[in-house]
Amino acid sequence: MRRPRRLLFAYFFLRPGRRKYMRPTVAYVDLDKLVHNYNAIKSHVGKAMLMAMVKADAYGHGLLPVSLALARAGADYFGVAAVEEGVSLRKAGINQPILCVGAAFKSSLEEAVENDIILTLYEEGQLGQMQEAALKAGKKARVHIKLETGMNRLGAHTGGELARLARALKKCSMLRAEGVFTHFAASDSANKDFTYEQASIFEQGREILANEGLEGLIAHAACSGGTLDCPDLYYDMVRPGIALYGYHPSDEVINRLPLEPIMRLESRLSQVKEIKAGESIGYGRSFTAPRDMRIGVVPIGYGDGYRRALSNKGCALINGRRANITGRVCMDQMMVDITDIPAETGELVVLLGKSGDEKFDAEDMAQICGTISYEITLGFTARVPKIYYGEAYDGIEQRGL
């Protein structure tokens, strides 16, 4: 790994002057790889606009540094799930359109309008509150209409419900409809039949809106799966999320882009010890040494978001070799088998990333844990500081982000 030229310590007690207290358990985020992934996706989708999905702290990679790097790379829109995420982007100086794809509650509407955050409209009951917030803010509220096409989450059903919503919207002088969208439930599956069923319903909804006088709306539906596999469903804009961070949404997608995971998780051995055959390791004595062994203690645990489900199943990478987890992952520590690996106290431990020819990333970890890579990258807690680096970090660093 190329060592970072510039460092950002995201955890409060790691500010300059206190670095000597830093735990060795750190997440490195390569913003150059982020831009590489963005460019690969942008090249793949051609003329379609790209909304960078940065909700949930940019899928656990850090909202502001990631968003600022993507803004400089040319992202057309940003997608968030909560108004406060959008407000943070505005305060950081991001001027691109920002869509809040989640529900915006009455308490946040005025601030959303003041900060020019586009709201998601999916039922008539929202209109009065949005109109009131826009009047208080003294500016029109921008909205994208969300259609229900099969996800059965937020969204207006097509037919009479959507037509009534459109007519009611047109009566609201302080609301401006700019877009229409939906969300595909299974576009990352090999079988795309349901995705095209959803697309058909989406087209019906767009026609209903056009018949009610709402024409020329920016249309978008494709998340990472649709962005990779369904070029005929790009419409005006795509909304990649996990693909920006270096992972394909599933192993069933057809088009595999040269994506690179942007996060690398590291620590160091805090102790090396020898145990005898028959001795147990960790809580519950879930592992018994089948032979004399050398064990390395690593200062990471489920208190850091490292999954307890990896107990006796996962591994770490040390000196290009796999060191299997022995015993249960503890709150703050775990133990690995280094019997056949030359390693001493202080040795580098790669928890996500590459070491020599070996790789263990969020997809590998997710498979063991029975989940998805999204949940893995999102799961690391604030106790794991993020260190940003790369040419794309130039300029962002000076802002103290």
Protein backbone atom coordinates (compact mmCIF):
# COMPACT_ATOMS: atom_id res chain seq x y z
CA MET A 1 0.00 0.00 0.00
CA ARG A 2 1.26 3.47 -0.87
CA ARG A 3 1.49 5.34 2.41
CA PRO A 4 -0.71 8.44 2.69
CA ARG A 5 0.97 11.73 1.91
CA ARG A 6 -1.67 13.62 3.84
CA LEU A 7 -3.61 12.46 6.83
CA LEU A 8 -7.03 13.26 8.25
CA PHE A 9 -7.85 12.03 11.73
CA ALA A 10 -11.63 11.87 12.01
CA TYR A 11 -11.92 10.94 15.65
CA PHE A 12 -11.91 13.76 18.18
CA PHE A 13 -9.04 12.57 20.35
CA LEU A 14 -6.76 12.12 17.35
CA ARG A 15 -6.37 15.79 16.55
CA PRO A 16 -2.82 17.14 16.01
CA GLY A 17 -0.82 17.18 19.21
CA ARG A 18 -2.47 14.04 20.55
CA ARG A 19 -1.41 11.59 17.87
CA LYS A 20 0.71 9.60 20.35
CA TYR A 21 -2.52 8.22 21.83
CA MET A 22 -3.77 6.81 18.54
CA ARG A 23 -4.75 3.16 18.45
CA PRO A 24 -3.22 1.35 15.50
CA THR A 25 -6.69 0.33 14.28
CA VAL A 26 -7.35 2.75 11.42
CA ALA A 27 -9.39 2.91 8.19
CA TYR A 28 -7.53 4.38 5.21
CA VAL A 29 -9.75 5.90 2.50
CA ASP A 30 -8.16 6.39 -0.92
CA LEU A 31 -9.97 9.25 -2.65
CA ASP A 32 -8.05 8.63 -5.88
CA LYS A 33 -9.68 5.19 -6.08
CA LEU A 34 -13.03 6.87 -5.45
CA VAL A 35 -12.47 9.15 -8.44
CA HIS A 36 -11.29 6.16 -10.48
CA ASN A 37 -14.56 4.35 -9.72
CA TYR A 38 -16.58 7.46 -10.53
CA ASN A 39 -14.83 7.82 -13.89
CA ALA A 40 -15.34 4.13 -14.71
CA ILE A 41 -19.07 4.42 -14.01
CA LYS A 42 -19.38 7.73 -15.86
CA SER A 43 -17.68 6.25 -18.91
CA HIS A 44 -20.01 3.25 -18.73
CA VAL A 45 -23.23 5.31 -18.66
CA GLY A 46 -22.26 7.78 -21.37
CA LYS A 47 -24.47 10.86 -21.60
CA ALA A 48 -26.68 10.04 -18.62
CA MET A 49 -26.27 12.34 -15.64
CA LEU A 50 -24.88 10.79 -12.46
CA MET A 51 -26.31 11.26 -8.98
CA ALA A 52 -23.69 10.19 -6.45
CA MET A 53 -25.40 8.45 -3.56
CA VAL A 54 -23.62 9.61 -0.40
CA LYS A 55 -26.31 8.79 2.14
CA ALA A 56 -25.41 7.07 5.41
CA ASP A 57 -22.05 8.83 5.73
CA ALA A 58 -21.16 7.90 2.15
CA TYR A 59 -21.81 4.23 2.92
CA GLY A 60 -19.50 4.53 5.91
CA HIS A 61 -16.61 6.18 4.09
CA GLY A 62 -17.15 9.76 5.32
CA LEU A 63 -19.79 12.12 3.92
CA LEU A 64 -17.84 15.34 3.44
CA PRO A 65 -14.43 14.21 2.14
CA VAL A 66 -16.09 11.75 -0.25
CA SER A 67 -18.67 14.27 -1.48
CA LEU A 68 -16.14 17.04 -2.00
CA ALA A 69 -13.92 14.71 -4.02
CA LEU A 70 -16.89 13.62 -6.14
CA ALA A 71 -18.02 17.21 -6.63
CA ARG A 72 -14.60 18.07 -8.01
CA ALA A 73 -14.71 14.95 -10.19
CA GLY A 74 -17.90 16.26 -11.81
CA ALA A 75 -20.86 14.56 -10.12
CA ASP A 76 -24.09 16.09 -11.48
CA TYR A 77 -26.27 15.49 -8.41
CA PHE A 78 -25.93 14.15 -4.89
CA GLY A 79 -28.36 11.81 -3.17
CA VAL A 80 -28.90 11.74 0.60
CA ALA A 81 -31.47 10.03 2.81
CA ALA A 82 -31.94 12.75 5.44
CA VAL A 83 -32.23 16.53 5.24
CA GLU A 84 -29.40 17.01 7.73
CA GLU A 85 -27.03 15.17 5.38
CA GLY A 86 -27.93 17.60 2.62
CA VAL A 87 -27.49 20.60 4.92
CA SER A 88 -24.00 19.35 5.80
CA LEU A 89 -23.13 19.23 2.10
CA ARG A 90 -24.34 22.79 1.59
CA LYS A 91 -22.32 24.03 4.57
CA ALA A 92 -19.26 22.34 3.05
CA GLY A 93 -19.73 24.39 -0.11
CA ILE A 94 -21.27 21.84 -2.45
CA ASN A 95 -23.44 23.61 -5.01
CA GLN A 96 -24.72 20.70 -7.09
CA PRO A 97 -28.38 19.74 -6.79
CA ILE A 98 -29.03 17.54 -3.74
CA LEU A 99 -32.00 15.17 -3.58
CA CYS A 100 -33.22 13.83 -0.25
CA VAL A 101 -34.56 10.44 -1.31
CA GLY A 102 -35.97 9.70 2.14
CA ALA A 103 -38.91 11.18 3.99
CA ALA A 104 -38.53 14.79 5.12
CA PHE A 105 -40.55 15.52 8.22
CA LYS A 106 -42.27 18.80 9.05
CA SER A 107 -39.56 19.85 11.50
CA SER A 108 -36.91 19.79 8.75
CA LEU A 109 -38.83 21.11 5.75
CA GLU A 110 -38.09 24.81 6.15
CA GLU A 111 -34.36 24.18 6.55
CA ALA A 112 -34.47 21.92 3.51
CA VAL A 113 -36.05 24.63 1.38
CA GLU A 114 -33.68 27.29 2.69
CA ASN A 115 -30.73 25.11 1.70
CA ASP A 116 -32.18 24.31 -1.72
CA ILE A 117 -32.47 20.60 -1.01
CA ILE A 118 -34.82 18.79 -3.37
CA LEU A 119 -37.59 16.93 -1.55
CA THR A 120 -39.18 13.58 -2.36
CA LEU A 121 -42.94 13.81 -2.91
CA TYR A 122 -45.01 10.64 -2.67
CA GLU A 123 -48.42 11.54 -1.20
CA GLU A 124 -50.89 14.41 -1.08
CA GLY A 125 -50.55 14.82 2.68
CA GLN A 126 -47.07 16.26 2.21
CA LEU A 127 -48.17 19.15 0.02
CA GLY A 128 -49.58 21.46 2.68
CA GLN A 129 -46.50 21.17 4.87
CA MET A 130 -44.16 21.71 1.93
CA GLN A 131 -46.15 24.73 0.77
CA GLU A 132 -46.07 26.22 4.27
CA ALA A 133 -42.32 25.65 4.61
CA ALA A 134 -41.67 27.26 1.24
CA LEU A 135 -43.72 30.32 2.17
CA LYS A 136 -41.77 30.70 5.41
CA ALA A 137 -38.46 30.29 3.60
CA GLY A 138 -39.51 32.77 0.94
CA LYS A 139 -38.54 30.52 -1.97
CA LYS A 140 -40.03 27.66 -3.94
CA ALA A 141 -39.53 24.10 -2.78
CA ARG A 142 -38.14 21.78 -5.44
CA VAL A 143 -39.56 18.25 -5.56
CA HIS A 144 -39.01 14.95 -7.34
CA ILE A 145 -42.08 12.69 -7.43
CA LYS A 146 -41.43 9.13 -6.22
CA LEU A 147 -43.45 6.38 -7.91
CA GLU A 148 -44.32 3.03 -6.37
CA THR A 149 -43.46 0.34 -8.91
CA GLY A 150 -42.88 -2.77 -6.81
CA MET A 151 -40.49 -1.95 -3.98
CA ASN A 152 -43.43 -1.16 -1.67
CA ARG A 153 -41.51 1.46 0.19
CA LEU A 154 -42.00 5.21 -0.32
CA GLY A 155 -43.89 6.06 -3.48
CA ALA A 156 -47.21 7.02 -5.05
CA HIS A 157 -49.10 4.28 -6.85
CA THR A 158 -49.76 4.90 -10.51
CA GLY A 159 -53.34 5.40 -11.63
CA GLY A 160 -55.87 7.60 -9.89
CA GLU A 161 -53.67 8.20 -6.83
CA LEU A 162 -50.86 9.65 -8.93
CA ALA A 163 -53.22 11.72 -11.07
CA ARG A 164 -54.78 13.26 -7.95
CA LEU A 165 -51.33 13.98 -6.54
CA ALA A 166 -50.31 15.70 -9.76
CA ARG A 167 -53.42 17.88 -9.83
CA ALA A 168 -52.99 18.85 -6.17
CA LEU A 169 -49.31 19.63 -6.75
CA LYS A 170 -50.12 22.01 -9.59
CA LYS A 171 -52.28 24.05 -7.21
CA CYS A 172 -49.32 24.66 -4.87
CA SER A 173 -47.77 27.91 -6.06
CA MET A 174 -44.61 27.47 -3.98
CA LEU A 175 -43.73 23.97 -5.19
CA ARG A 176 -41.83 23.19 -8.37
CA ALA A 177 -41.75 19.64 -9.75
CA GLU A 178 -38.40 18.91 -11.37
CA GLY A 179 -38.10 15.14 -11.47
CA VAL A 180 -39.75 11.75 -11.23
CA PHE A 181 -38.11 8.56 -10.01
CA THR A 182 -38.51 5.05 -8.70
CA HIS A 183 -36.24 2.40 -7.22
CA PHE A 184 -35.55 -1.04 -8.68
CA ALA A 185 -35.89 -3.88 -6.19
CA ALA A 186 -33.82 -6.54 -7.97
CA SER A 187 -31.73 -4.97 -10.72
CA ASP A 188 -28.62 -6.65 -9.28
CA SER A 189 -30.13 -10.10 -9.91
CA ALA A 190 -29.31 -12.16 -12.98
CA ASN A 191 -33.02 -12.35 -13.83
CA LYS A 192 -34.14 -8.87 -14.82
CA ASP A 193 -37.82 -9.68 -15.45
CA PHE A 194 -39.09 -7.86 -12.37
CA THR A 195 -36.88 -4.87 -13.12
CA TYR A 196 -38.52 -4.49 -16.51
CA GLU A 197 -41.96 -4.95 -14.95
CA GLN A 198 -41.11 -2.03 -12.68
CA ALA A 199 -39.86 -0.02 -15.64
CA SER A 200 -43.18 -0.58 -17.42
CA ILE A 201 -45.10 0.72 -14.41
CA PHE A 202 -42.71 3.67 -14.21
CA GLU A 203 -43.43 4.52 -17.84
CA GLN A 204 -47.15 4.42 -17.13
CA GLY A 205 -46.64 6.81 -14.25
CA ARG A 206 -44.61 9.21 -16.37
CA GLU A 207 -47.41 9.19 -18.94
CA ILE A 208 -50.00 9.99 -16.26
CA LEU A 209 -47.90 12.93 -15.08
CA ALA A 210 -47.47 14.18 -18.64
CA ASN A 211 -51.22 13.99 -19.19
CA GLU A 212 -51.66 16.14 -16.08
CA GLY A 213 -49.30 18.75 -17.49
CA LEU A 214 -46.13 17.65 -15.68
CA GLU A 215 -43.80 17.11 -18.61
CA GLY A 216 -40.05 17.40 -19.03
CA LEU A 217 -39.30 15.98 -15.59
CA ILE A 218 -35.85 14.51 -14.98
CA ALA A 219 -36.40 10.74 -14.83
CA HIS A 220 -34.18 8.33 -12.91
CA ALA A 221 -34.47 4.78 -11.58
CA ALA A 222 -31.17 2.88 -11.82
CA CYS A 223 -29.17 2.20 -8.66
CA SER A 224 -25.83 0.38 -8.93
CA GLY A 225 -27.37 -2.79 -10.36
CA GLY A 226 -29.35 -0.98 -13.04
CA THR A 227 -26.43 1.33 -13.74
CA LEU A 228 -24.19 -1.64 -14.52
CA ASP A 229 -26.63 -3.90 -16.36
CA CYS A 230 -29.58 -1.94 -17.78
CA PRO A 231 -28.45 0.81 -20.19
CA ASP A 232 -31.95 1.03 -21.66
CA LEU A 233 -33.22 2.08 -18.21
CA TYR A 234 -30.84 4.95 -17.56
CA TYR A 235 -33.46 7.57 -18.50
CA ASP A 236 -31.93 10.98 -17.75
CA MET A 237 -29.83 10.03 -14.74
CA VAL A 238 -28.40 7.07 -12.81
CA ARG A 239 -27.89 6.75 -9.04
CA PRO A 240 -24.88 4.53 -8.26
CA GLY A 241 -24.11 3.92 -4.61
CA ILE A 242 -21.99 0.94 -3.57
CA ALA A 243 -20.26 0.89 -6.96
CA LEU A 244 -18.68 4.26 -6.21
CA TYR A 245 -17.01 2.73 -3.18
CA GLY A 246 -15.50 -0.15 -5.12
CA TYR A 247 -17.99 -3.01 -4.87
CA HIS A 248 -20.44 -4.56 -7.29
CA PRO A 249 -23.93 -4.80 -5.76
CA SER A 250 -23.99 -8.59 -6.11
CA ASP A 251 -22.14 -11.42 -7.80
CA GLU A 252 -25.00 -11.73 -10.30
CA VAL A 253 -24.46 -8.46 -12.16
CA ILE A 254 -23.38 -9.04 -15.74
CA ASN A 255 -21.14 -6.07 -16.37
CA ARG A 256 -18.08 -6.02 -14.11
CA LEU A 257 -16.32 -2.68 -14.13
CA PRO A 258 -12.71 -2.29 -12.89
CA LEU A 259 -13.87 -1.01 -9.51
CA GLU A 260 -11.47 -0.72 -6.58
CA PRO A 261 -12.51 -0.74 -2.91
CA ILE A 262 -11.57 2.63 -1.46
CA MET A 263 -11.33 1.59 2.21
CA ARG A 264 -8.49 -0.39 3.76
CA LEU A 265 -8.68 -1.38 7.43
CA GLU A 266 -5.46 -1.96 9.35
CA SER A 267 -4.22 -2.64 12.85
CA ARG A 268 -1.10 -4.10 14.51
CA LEU A 269 -0.42 -7.03 16.78
CA SER A 270 -0.51 -5.93 20.41
CA GLN A 271 0.89 -9.21 21.75
CA VAL A 272 2.21 -12.53 20.49
CA LYS A 273 1.95 -15.53 22.79
CA GLU A 274 2.45 -19.27 22.69
CA ILE A 275 -0.21 -21.70 23.87
CA LYS A 276 -0.20 -25.44 24.33
CA ALA A 277 -2.37 -28.02 22.61
CA GLY A 278 -5.63 -28.38 24.51
CA GLU A 279 -5.73 -24.80 25.82
CA SER A 280 -8.80 -22.73 24.98
CA ILE A 281 -9.00 -19.21 23.60
CA GLY A 282 -11.48 -16.44 24.37
CA TYR A 283 -14.97 -16.16 25.81
CA GLY A 284 -16.96 -19.35 26.06
CA ARG A 285 -13.84 -21.39 25.26
CA SER A 286 -15.17 -21.78 21.70
CA PHE A 287 -11.73 -22.63 20.31
CA THR A 288 -9.40 -25.31 21.64
CA ALA A 289 -5.87 -25.46 20.27
CA PRO A 290 -5.39 -28.70 18.30
CA ARG A 291 -1.61 -28.31 18.61
CA ASP A 292 0.95 -26.00 20.14
CA MET A 293 0.25 -22.59 18.57
CA ARG A 294 1.38 -19.00 18.32
CA ILE A 295 -1.46 -16.53 18.78
CA GLY A 296 -1.51 -12.83 17.88
CA VAL A 297 -3.78 -10.40 19.70
CA VAL A 298 -5.28 -7.64 17.51
CA PRO A 299 -6.83 -4.48 19.07
CA ILE A 300 -10.13 -4.53 17.22
CA GLY A 301 -13.51 -5.96 18.19
CA TYR A 302 -17.23 -5.59 17.84
CA GLY A 303 -16.97 -2.26 19.69
CA ASP A 304 -15.29 -1.04 16.51
CA GLY A 305 -17.93 -2.61 14.28
CA TYR A 306 -15.83 -5.69 13.54
CA ARG A 307 -18.42 -8.44 13.36
CA ARG A 308 -18.72 -11.00 16.13
CA ALA A 309 -20.06 -13.34 13.44
CA LEU A 310 -16.46 -13.63 12.21
CA SER A 311 -15.54 -15.58 15.35
CA ASN A 312 -13.65 -18.77 14.37
CA LYS A 313 -14.54 -18.05 10.72
CA GLY A 314 -12.88 -14.86 9.50
CA CYS A 315 -9.25 -14.02 8.98
CA ALA A 316 -6.72 -11.21 8.96
CA LEU A 317 -3.79 -10.80 6.56
CA ILE A 318 -0.27 -10.69 7.97
CA ASN A 319 2.85 -10.66 5.80
CA GLY A 320 0.89 -11.88 2.79
CA ARG A 321 -0.63 -14.84 4.66
CA ARG A 322 -4.07 -15.56 6.10
CA ALA A 323 -4.24 -15.64 9.88
CA ASN A 324 -7.48 -17.30 10.94
CA ILE A 325 -9.50 -15.87 13.82
CA THR A 326 -9.36 -18.16 16.84
CA GLY A 327 -12.05 -17.88 19.47
CA ARG A 328 -14.77 -15.29 19.73
CA VAL A 329 -14.29 -11.72 18.61
CA CYS A 330 -14.32 -9.64 21.81
CA MET A 331 -15.56 -6.08 22.26
CA ASP A 332 -12.09 -4.55 21.85
CA GLN A 333 -9.79 -7.35 20.74
CA MET A 334 -9.56 -10.59 18.82
CA MET A 335 -7.02 -13.36 18.46
CA VAL A 336 -5.56 -14.86 15.28
CA ASP A 337 -3.47 -17.93 14.54
CA ILE A 338 0.07 -16.97 13.49
CA THR A 339 1.66 -20.37 14.13
CA ASP A 340 2.99 -20.61 10.57
CA ILE A 341 3.42 -16.89 9.96
CA PRO A 342 6.59 -14.98 10.87
CA ALA A 343 5.14 -12.14 12.95
CA GLU A 344 5.97 -10.33 16.17
CA THR A 345 4.36 -7.70 18.37
CA GLY A 346 3.76 -4.54 16.33
CA GLU A 347 3.37 -6.44 13.05
CA LEU A 348 0.99 -4.89 10.50
CA VAL A 349 -2.42 -6.58 10.32
CA VAL A 350 -4.67 -6.01 7.29
CA LEU A 351 -8.33 -6.52 8.19
CA LEU A 352 -9.81 -5.27 4.90
CA GLY A 353 -7.62 -5.03 1.83
CA LYS A 354 -4.63 -6.80 0.33
CA SER A 355 -1.37 -8.15 1.69
CA GLY A 356 0.95 -9.70 -0.86
CA ASP A 357 -1.15 -11.93 -3.09
CA GLU A 358 -3.89 -12.34 -0.49
CA LYS A 359 -7.13 -10.33 -0.39
CA PHE A 360 -9.89 -10.05 2.18
CA ASP A 361 -12.43 -7.32 1.51
CA ALA A 362 -15.96 -6.32 2.50
CA GLU A 363 -17.49 -8.84 0.09
CA ASP A 364 -15.49 -11.68 1.65
CA MET A 365 -16.43 -10.51 5.13
CA ALA A 366 -20.09 -10.14 4.16
CA GLN A 367 -20.24 -13.67 2.78
CA ILE A 368 -19.04 -15.09 6.10
CA CYS A 369 -21.45 -12.90 8.08
CA GLY A 370 -24.44 -13.64 5.86
CA THR A 371 -24.94 -10.02 4.85
CA ILE A 372 -23.92 -7.56 2.11
CA SER A 373 -20.84 -5.40 1.60
CA TYR A 374 -22.92 -2.26 2.23
CA GLU A 375 -23.58 -3.29 5.83
CA ILE A 376 -19.90 -4.09 6.40
CA THR A 377 -18.54 -0.71 5.27
CA LEU A 378 -21.32 1.09 7.13
CA GLY A 379 -20.73 -0.79 10.33
CA PHE A 380 -17.39 0.52 11.58
CA THR A 381 -17.85 2.81 14.54
CA ALA A 382 -16.46 6.26 15.31
CA ARG A 383 -13.72 4.63 17.36
CA VAL A 384 -12.02 3.67 14.09
CA PRO A 385 -10.54 6.90 12.70
CA LYS A 386 -10.53 7.48 8.96
CA ILE A 387 -7.38 8.69 7.25
CA TYR A 388 -7.93 10.17 3.79
CA TYR A 389 -5.25 10.42 1.14
CA GLY A 390 -4.53 10.73 -2.57
CA GLU A 391 -4.30 13.54 -5.10
CA ALA A 392 -8.08 13.95 -4.85
CA TYR A 393 -7.62 14.95 -1.21
CA ASP A 394 -5.57 18.02 -2.16
CA GLY A 395 -7.57 21.12 -1.29
CA ILE A 396 -9.98 19.16 0.88
CA GLU A 397 -7.31 18.76 3.54
CA GLN A 398 -6.79 22.51 3.83
CA ARG A 399 -10.45 22.88 4.79
CA GLY A 400 -9.88 20.80 7.89
CA LEU A 401 -12.31 18.08 6.79
